[in-house]
Amino acid sequence: MPNRNLALFDLDNTLLPFDSDHAWGEFCVHLGWTDGPKHRQTNDRFYADYKAGTLDLDAYLRFSLAPLVGRPPEVLANAHRDFMHQVVLPQIRPSALELVRKHQQAGDLCCIVTATNDFVTQPIAEAFGVPHLIAVQTERDALGRYTGGWHGVPSFREGKIIRTTQWLAAQKLDWSHFDQTWFYSDSINDQPLLEHVTHPVVVHPDPRLAELARERGWPALELFP
């Protein structure tokens, strides 16, 4: 019998107290894989655009995926392992883990739905113990090397609804199978999916989302006091 409830979680600045995509860009500077000052400046500009709700996603993806291109898979795996140990794992908070566990223990179907790419986020989802991840799908060649491209609908804004619907369909499910659906997010970019679920919850929201939540009477949650 399928789960009767569905719990969806944004990742960056929701389950994590920082943005993993931006942090990975900084880590690429640390690794010496990029032109440090220029890359950092561009990374910061794109992040500001994201927070303002004005991000050119295609331009950002071309920028953020470029450091992966041409690097052997084992080099990338080792770099991401260091990223996890040095940056991600020390910042995962018990409160965020507890939120996920609460839904899992209730028997809810749980999934992380993020606009960050799957290279960055797959190990993070595993660290949260969530087996289902919807992320931007990076493209790889026959040798398993990243091309700098992506495929499918990016899980961004309305794309999060499209990708979640596709993911459910692959499991022979749809939204109507669930009595209750939750989505937790911090960002105004996630307004479409927040409006799509029965239980939208804002998590230390950005100013525009905080205002929308007040207007709609959506509950607010602070995981990182």
C-alpha atoms as a PDB file:
ATOM      1  CA  MET A   1       0.000   0.000   0.000  1.00  0.00           C
ATOM      2  CA  PRO A   2       1.473   3.417  -0.914  1.00  0.00           C
ATOM      3  CA  ASN A   3       2.323   5.953   1.746  1.00  0.00           C
ATOM      4  CA  ARG A   4      -0.666   8.067   2.662  1.00  0.00           C
ATOM      5  CA  ASN A   5       1.379  11.237   3.135  1.00  0.00           C
ATOM      6  CA  LEU A   6       4.197  12.917   1.231  1.00  0.00           C
ATOM      7  CA  ALA A   7       6.938  15.120   2.705  1.00  0.00           C
ATOM      8  CA  LEU A   8       9.138  17.195   0.388  1.00  0.00           C
ATOM      9  CA  PHE A   9      12.128  19.191   1.570  1.00  0.00           C
ATOM     10  CA  ASP A  10      14.124  21.929  -0.072  1.00  0.00           C
ATOM     11  CA  LEU A  11      17.810  21.546   0.797  1.00  0.00           C
ATOM     12  CA  ASP A  12      19.784  24.788   0.759  1.00  0.00           C
ATOM     13  CA  ASN A  13      19.016  27.155   3.628  1.00  0.00           C
ATOM     14  CA  THR A  14      16.215  24.779   4.612  1.00  0.00           C
ATOM     15  CA  LEU A  15      17.643  21.455   5.772  1.00  0.00           C
ATOM     16  CA  LEU A  16      21.121  22.973   5.535  1.00  0.00           C
ATOM     17  CA  PRO A  17      21.970  26.327   7.162  1.00  0.00           C
ATOM     18  CA  PHE A  18      23.834  27.391   4.017  1.00  0.00           C
ATOM     19  CA  ASP A  19      23.658  27.055   0.226  1.00  0.00           C
ATOM     20  CA  SER A  20      25.514  23.927  -0.915  1.00  0.00           C
ATOM     21  CA  ASP A  21      25.737  25.092  -4.541  1.00  0.00           C
ATOM     22  CA  HIS A  22      27.378  28.376  -3.574  1.00  0.00           C
ATOM     23  CA  ALA A  23      29.598  26.600  -1.037  1.00  0.00           C
ATOM     24  CA  TRP A  24      30.763  24.099  -3.671  1.00  0.00           C
ATOM     25  CA  GLY A  25      31.705  27.038  -5.893  1.00  0.00           C
ATOM     26  CA  GLU A  26      33.817  28.404  -3.046  1.00  0.00           C
ATOM     27  CA  PHE A  27      35.351  24.959  -2.571  1.00  0.00           C
ATOM     28  CA  CYS A  28      36.336  24.867  -6.247  1.00  0.00           C
ATOM     29  CA  VAL A  29      38.269  28.081  -5.614  1.00  0.00           C
ATOM     30  CA  HIS A  30      39.911  26.411  -2.604  1.00  0.00           C
ATOM     31  CA  LEU A  31      40.882  23.451  -4.813  1.00  0.00           C
ATOM     32  CA  GLY A  32      42.460  25.764  -7.362  1.00  0.00           C
ATOM     33  CA  TRP A  33      40.131  24.544 -10.100  1.00  0.00           C
ATOM     34  CA  THR A  34      39.034  28.058 -11.082  1.00  0.00           C
ATOM     35  CA  ASP A  35      40.252  31.613 -11.484  1.00  0.00           C
ATOM     36  CA  GLY A  36      39.724  32.389  -7.803  1.00  0.00           C
ATOM     37  CA  PRO A  37      38.735  36.089  -7.601  1.00  0.00           C
ATOM     38  CA  LYS A  38      36.719  36.055 -10.822  1.00  0.00           C
ATOM     39  CA  HIS A  39      34.949  32.809  -9.972  1.00  0.00           C
ATOM     40  CA  ARG A  40      34.126  34.003  -6.465  1.00  0.00           C
ATOM     41  CA  GLN A  41      32.727  37.293  -7.761  1.00  0.00           C
ATOM     42  CA  THR A  42      30.546  35.545 -10.357  1.00  0.00           C
ATOM     43  CA  ASN A  43      29.441  32.924  -7.838  1.00  0.00           C
ATOM     44  CA  ASP A  44      28.377  35.653  -5.418  1.00  0.00           C
ATOM     45  CA  ARG A  45      26.512  37.516  -8.160  1.00  0.00           C
ATOM     46  CA  PHE A  46      24.528  34.451  -9.192  1.00  0.00           C
ATOM     47  CA  TYR A  47      23.718  33.703  -5.559  1.00  0.00           C
ATOM     48  CA  ALA A  48      22.422  37.241  -5.079  1.00  0.00           C
ATOM     49  CA  ASP A  49      20.278  36.834  -8.191  1.00  0.00           C
ATOM     50  CA  TYR A  50      18.889  33.565  -6.816  1.00  0.00           C
ATOM     51  CA  LYS A  51      17.949  35.166  -3.509  1.00  0.00           C
ATOM     52  CA  ALA A  52      16.314  38.039  -5.376  1.00  0.00           C
ATOM     53  CA  GLY A  53      14.278  35.627  -7.513  1.00  0.00           C
ATOM     54  CA  THR A  54      15.928  36.817 -10.735  1.00  0.00           C
ATOM     55  CA  LEU A  55      18.362  33.981 -11.470  1.00  0.00           C
ATOM     56  CA  ASP A  56      19.108  33.099 -15.103  1.00  0.00           C
ATOM     57  CA  LEU A  57      19.247  29.370 -14.450  1.00  0.00           C
ATOM     58  CA  ASP A  58      20.802  28.319 -17.752  1.00  0.00           C
ATOM     59  CA  ALA A  59      23.634  30.831 -17.339  1.00  0.00           C
ATOM     60  CA  TYR A  60      24.177  29.736 -13.768  1.00  0.00           C
ATOM     61  CA  LEU A  61      24.264  26.039 -14.637  1.00  0.00           C
ATOM     62  CA  ARG A  62      26.825  26.621 -17.375  1.00  0.00           C
ATOM     63  CA  PHE A  63      28.961  28.475 -14.816  1.00  0.00           C
ATOM     64  CA  SER A  64      28.531  26.109 -11.880  1.00  0.00           C
ATOM     65  CA  LEU A  65      29.059  22.882 -13.844  1.00  0.00           C
ATOM     66  CA  ALA A  66      32.149  24.096 -15.724  1.00  0.00           C
ATOM     67  CA  PRO A  67      34.650  23.055 -12.989  1.00  0.00           C
ATOM     68  CA  LEU A  68      33.479  19.431 -13.329  1.00  0.00           C
ATOM     69  CA  VAL A  69      34.229  19.201 -17.034  1.00  0.00           C
ATOM     70  CA  GLY A  70      37.114  16.974 -18.041  1.00  0.00           C
ATOM     71  CA  ARG A  71      38.015  15.853 -14.520  1.00  0.00           C
ATOM     72  CA  PRO A  72      38.247  12.090 -13.913  1.00  0.00           C
ATOM     73  CA  PRO A  73      35.406  10.681 -11.831  1.00  0.00           C
ATOM     74  CA  GLU A  74      37.773   9.547  -9.076  1.00  0.00           C
ATOM     75  CA  VAL A  75      39.207  13.068  -8.751  1.00  0.00           C
ATOM     76  CA  LEU A  76      35.726  14.511  -8.441  1.00  0.00           C
ATOM     77  CA  ALA A  77      34.670  11.845  -5.937  1.00  0.00           C
ATOM     78  CA  ASN A  78      37.690  12.555  -3.732  1.00  0.00           C
ATOM     79  CA  ALA A  79      37.084  16.301  -3.914  1.00  0.00           C
ATOM     80  CA  HIS A  80      33.442  15.900  -2.972  1.00  0.00           C
ATOM     81  CA  ARG A  81      34.388  13.605  -0.090  1.00  0.00           C
ATOM     82  CA  ASP A  82      36.615  16.389   1.239  1.00  0.00           C
ATOM     83  CA  PHE A  83      33.797  18.899   0.701  1.00  0.00           C
ATOM     84  CA  MET A  84      31.449  16.747   2.746  1.00  0.00           C
ATOM     85  CA  HIS A  85      33.885  16.327   5.630  1.00  0.00           C
ATOM     86  CA  GLN A  86      35.172  19.893   5.688  1.00  0.00           C
ATOM     87  CA  VAL A  87      32.059  21.891   4.823  1.00  0.00           C
ATOM     88  CA  VAL A  88      28.785  19.942   4.880  1.00  0.00           C
ATOM     89  CA  LEU A  89      28.815  17.420   7.707  1.00  0.00           C
ATOM     90  CA  PRO A  90      29.989  19.881  10.393  1.00  0.00           C
ATOM     91  CA  GLN A  91      26.967  22.071   9.585  1.00  0.00           C
ATOM     92  CA  ILE A  92      24.197  19.466   9.553  1.00  0.00           C
ATOM     93  CA  ARG A  93      22.087  20.288  12.592  1.00  0.00           C
ATOM     94  CA  PRO A  94      20.223  17.793  14.797  1.00  0.00           C
ATOM     95  CA  SER A  95      17.047  19.878  14.376  1.00  0.00           C
ATOM     96  CA  ALA A  96      17.061  19.293  10.608  1.00  0.00           C
ATOM     97  CA  LEU A  97      17.730  15.584  11.011  1.00  0.00           C
ATOM     98  CA  GLU A  98      14.902  15.401  13.546  1.00  0.00           C
ATOM     99  CA  LEU A  99      12.443  17.017  11.129  1.00  0.00           C
ATOM    100  CA  VAL A 100      13.226  14.437   8.465  1.00  0.00           C
ATOM    101  CA  ARG A 101      13.083  11.568  10.958  1.00  0.00           C
ATOM    102  CA  LYS A 102       9.697  12.747  12.223  1.00  0.00           C
ATOM    103  CA  HIS A 103       8.188  12.302   8.774  1.00  0.00           C
ATOM    104  CA  GLN A 104       9.997   9.037   8.143  1.00  0.00           C
ATOM    105  CA  GLN A 105       8.820   7.570  11.437  1.00  0.00           C
ATOM    106  CA  ALA A 106       5.265   8.590  10.559  1.00  0.00           C
ATOM    107  CA  GLY A 107       5.587   6.485   7.423  1.00  0.00           C
ATOM    108  CA  ASP A 108       5.556   9.452   5.042  1.00  0.00           C
ATOM    109  CA  LEU A 109       7.225   9.182   1.646  1.00  0.00           C
ATOM    110  CA  CYS A 110      10.138  11.641   1.865  1.00  0.00           C
ATOM    111  CA  CYS A 111      12.083  13.344  -0.900  1.00  0.00           C
ATOM    112  CA  ILE A 112      14.562  16.216  -1.133  1.00  0.00           C
ATOM    113  CA  VAL A 113      13.673  18.540  -4.018  1.00  0.00           C
ATOM    114  CA  THR A 114      16.453  20.980  -4.848  1.00  0.00           C
ATOM    115  CA  ALA A 115      17.560  23.261  -7.662  1.00  0.00           C
ATOM    116  CA  THR A 116      21.181  22.323  -6.961  1.00  0.00           C
ATOM    117  CA  ASN A 117      22.701  19.671  -9.214  1.00  0.00           C
ATOM    118  CA  ASP A 118      22.845  15.988  -8.366  1.00  0.00           C
ATOM    119  CA  PHE A 119      26.664  15.858  -8.219  1.00  0.00           C
ATOM    120  CA  VAL A 120      26.674  18.240  -5.264  1.00  0.00           C
ATOM    121  CA  THR A 121      23.537  16.987  -3.538  1.00  0.00           C
ATOM    122  CA  GLN A 122      23.414  13.183  -3.837  1.00  0.00           C
ATOM    123  CA  PRO A 123      25.920  12.612  -0.997  1.00  0.00           C
ATOM    124  CA  ILE A 124      24.134  15.245   1.098  1.00  0.00           C
ATOM    125  CA  ALA A 125      20.783  13.507   0.677  1.00  0.00           C
ATOM    126  CA  GLU A 126      22.480  10.276   1.760  1.00  0.00           C
ATOM    127  CA  ALA A 127      23.832  12.026   4.856  1.00  0.00           C
ATOM    128  CA  PHE A 128      20.235  12.935   5.772  1.00  0.00           C
ATOM    129  CA  GLY A 129      19.154   9.341   5.217  1.00  0.00           C
ATOM    130  CA  VAL A 130      16.735  10.345   2.429  1.00  0.00           C
ATOM    131  CA  PRO A 131      16.902   7.846  -0.463  1.00  0.00           C
ATOM    132  CA  HIS A 132      14.849   9.978  -2.849  1.00  0.00           C
ATOM    133  CA  LEU A 133      16.404  13.076  -4.431  1.00  0.00           C
ATOM    134  CA  ILE A 134      15.103  15.370  -7.156  1.00  0.00           C
ATOM    135  CA  ALA A 135      17.907  17.639  -8.364  1.00  0.00           C
ATOM    136  CA  VAL A 136      19.201  19.145 -11.588  1.00  0.00           C
ATOM    137  CA  GLN A 137      20.319  16.140 -13.632  1.00  0.00           C
ATOM    138  CA  THR A 138      23.902  16.527 -14.784  1.00  0.00           C
ATOM    139  CA  GLU A 139      24.952  15.102 -18.127  1.00  0.00           C
ATOM    140  CA  ARG A 140      27.864  12.684 -18.476  1.00  0.00           C
ATOM    141  CA  ASP A 141      29.591  11.122 -21.464  1.00  0.00           C
ATOM    142  CA  ALA A 142      30.212   7.420 -22.155  1.00  0.00           C
ATOM    143  CA  LEU A 143      33.268   7.479 -19.864  1.00  0.00           C
ATOM    144  CA  GLY A 144      31.274   8.931 -16.977  1.00  0.00           C
ATOM    145  CA  ARG A 145      32.832  12.390 -17.273  1.00  0.00           C
ATOM    146  CA  TYR A 146      30.713  15.482 -16.830  1.00  0.00           C
ATOM    147  CA  THR A 147      30.038  17.454 -20.007  1.00  0.00           C
ATOM    148  CA  GLY A 148      28.940  20.696 -18.360  1.00  0.00           C
ATOM    149  CA  GLY A 149      25.411  20.130 -19.611  1.00  0.00           C
ATOM    150  CA  TRP A 150      22.233  18.849 -18.033  1.00  0.00           C
ATOM    151  CA  HIS A 151      19.159  16.981 -19.154  1.00  0.00           C
ATOM    152  CA  GLY A 152      15.486  16.929 -18.318  1.00  0.00           C
ATOM    153  CA  VAL A 153      13.542  19.717 -16.687  1.00  0.00           C
ATOM    154  CA  PRO A 154      15.630  21.560 -14.084  1.00  0.00           C
ATOM    155  CA  SER A 155      14.066  21.280 -10.637  1.00  0.00           C
ATOM    156  CA  PHE A 156      13.695  25.037 -10.263  1.00  0.00           C
ATOM    157  CA  ARG A 157      10.548  27.083  -9.619  1.00  0.00           C
ATOM    158  CA  GLU A 158       7.655  25.401 -11.546  1.00  0.00           C
ATOM    159  CA  GLY A 159      10.138  22.727 -12.580  1.00  0.00           C
ATOM    160  CA  LYS A 160       9.981  21.342  -9.050  1.00  0.00           C
ATOM    161  CA  ILE A 161       6.318  20.468  -9.573  1.00  0.00           C
ATOM    162  CA  ILE A 162       7.024  18.915 -12.975  1.00  0.00           C
ATOM    163  CA  ARG A 163       9.933  16.829 -11.713  1.00  0.00           C
ATOM    164  CA  THR A 164       8.077  15.712  -8.578  1.00  0.00           C
ATOM    165  CA  THR A 165       5.102  14.673 -10.687  1.00  0.00           C
ATOM    166  CA  GLN A 166       7.433  12.702 -12.976  1.00  0.00           C
ATOM    167  CA  TRP A 167       9.119  11.073  -9.991  1.00  0.00           C
ATOM    168  CA  LEU A 168       5.773  10.026  -8.525  1.00  0.00           C
ATOM    169  CA  ALA A 169       4.606   8.667 -11.877  1.00  0.00           C
ATOM    170  CA  ALA A 170       7.734   6.513 -12.111  1.00  0.00           C
ATOM    171  CA  GLN A 171       6.553   4.885  -8.878  1.00  0.00           C
ATOM    172  CA  LYS A 172       3.003   4.520 -10.215  1.00  0.00           C
ATOM    173  CA  LEU A 173       1.831   7.286  -7.902  1.00  0.00           C
ATOM    174  CA  ASP A 174       0.380  10.746  -8.293  1.00  0.00           C
ATOM    175  CA  TRP A 175      -0.529  13.618  -6.000  1.00  0.00           C
ATOM    176  CA  SER A 176      -4.025  12.223  -5.444  1.00  0.00           C
ATOM    177  CA  HIS A 177      -2.625   9.155  -3.713  1.00  0.00           C
ATOM    178  CA  PHE A 178      -1.699  11.218  -0.650  1.00  0.00           C
ATOM    179  CA  ASP A 179      -4.035  12.495   2.041  1.00  0.00           C
ATOM    180  CA  GLN A 180      -1.542  15.193   3.050  1.00  0.00           C
ATOM    181  CA  THR A 181       1.493  16.697   1.328  1.00  0.00           C
ATOM    182  CA  TRP A 182       4.173  18.878   2.911  1.00  0.00           C
ATOM    183  CA  PHE A 183       6.861  21.063   1.415  1.00  0.00           C
ATOM    184  CA  TYR A 184       9.455  22.892   3.494  1.00  0.00           C
ATOM    185  CA  SER A 185      11.378  25.781   1.921  1.00  0.00           C
ATOM    186  CA  ASP A 186      13.124  29.070   2.625  1.00  0.00           C
ATOM    187  CA  SER A 187      12.927  30.636  -0.842  1.00  0.00           C
ATOM    188  CA  ILE A 188      10.458  32.713  -2.830  1.00  0.00           C
ATOM    189  CA  ASN A 189      11.631  30.695  -5.842  1.00  0.00           C
ATOM    190  CA  ASP A 190       9.708  27.776  -4.359  1.00  0.00           C
ATOM    191  CA  GLN A 191       6.346  29.550  -4.277  1.00  0.00           C
ATOM    192  CA  PRO A 192       4.881  27.277  -7.020  1.00  0.00           C
ATOM    193  CA  LEU A 193       5.514  24.048  -5.095  1.00  0.00           C
ATOM    194  CA  LEU A 194       4.556  25.611  -1.771  1.00  0.00           C
ATOM    195  CA  GLU A 195       1.200  26.528  -3.302  1.00  0.00           C
ATOM    196  CA  HIS A 196       0.806  23.022  -4.735  1.00  0.00           C
ATOM    197  CA  VAL A 197       0.948  21.077  -1.453  1.00  0.00           C
ATOM    198  CA  THR A 198      -1.635  20.865   1.301  1.00  0.00           C
ATOM    199  CA  HIS A 199       0.859  21.866   4.015  1.00  0.00           C
ATOM    200  CA  PRO A 200       3.339  24.548   2.929  1.00  0.00           C
ATOM    201  CA  VAL A 201       5.881  25.361   5.661  1.00  0.00           C
ATOM    202  CA  VAL A 202       8.424  28.161   5.385  1.00  0.00           C
ATOM    203  CA  VAL A 203      11.778  27.636   7.080  1.00  0.00           C
ATOM    204  CA  HIS A 204      13.613  30.843   8.096  1.00  0.00           C
ATOM    205  CA  PRO A 205      12.221  32.352   4.894  1.00  0.00           C
ATOM    206  CA  ASP A 206      13.705  35.102   2.774  1.00  0.00           C
ATOM    207  CA  PRO A 207      11.895  38.472   3.112  1.00  0.00           C
ATOM    208  CA  ARG A 208       9.575  38.000   0.133  1.00  0.00           C
ATOM    209  CA  LEU A 209       8.586  34.506   1.207  1.00  0.00           C
ATOM    210  CA  ALA A 210       8.092  35.651   4.795  1.00  0.00           C
ATOM    211  CA  GLU A 211       5.658  38.312   3.583  1.00  0.00           C
ATOM    212  CA  LEU A 212       3.807  35.795   1.414  1.00  0.00           C
ATOM    213  CA  ALA A 213       3.613  33.344   4.327  1.00  0.00           C
ATOM    214  CA  ARG A 214       2.081  36.015   6.555  1.00  0.00           C
ATOM    215  CA  GLU A 215      -0.510  36.820   3.887  1.00  0.00           C
ATOM    216  CA  ARG A 216      -1.387  33.149   3.377  1.00  0.00           C
ATOM    217  CA  GLY A 217      -1.186  32.111   7.011  1.00  0.00           C
ATOM    218  CA  TRP A 218       1.511  29.537   6.303  1.00  0.00           C
ATOM    219  CA  PRO A 219       3.393  28.253   9.343  1.00  0.00           C
ATOM    220  CA  ALA A 220       7.035  29.224   9.802  1.00  0.00           C
ATOM    221  CA  LEU A 221       9.744  27.006  11.253  1.00  0.00           C
ATOM    222  CA  GLU A 222      13.174  27.887  12.620  1.00  0.00           C
ATOM    223  CA  LEU A 223      15.600  24.976  12.469  1.00  0.00           C
ATOM    224  CA  PHE A 224      18.732  27.032  13.083  1.00  0.00           C
ATOM    225  CA  PRO A 225      18.097  29.461  15.953  1.00  0.00           C
END
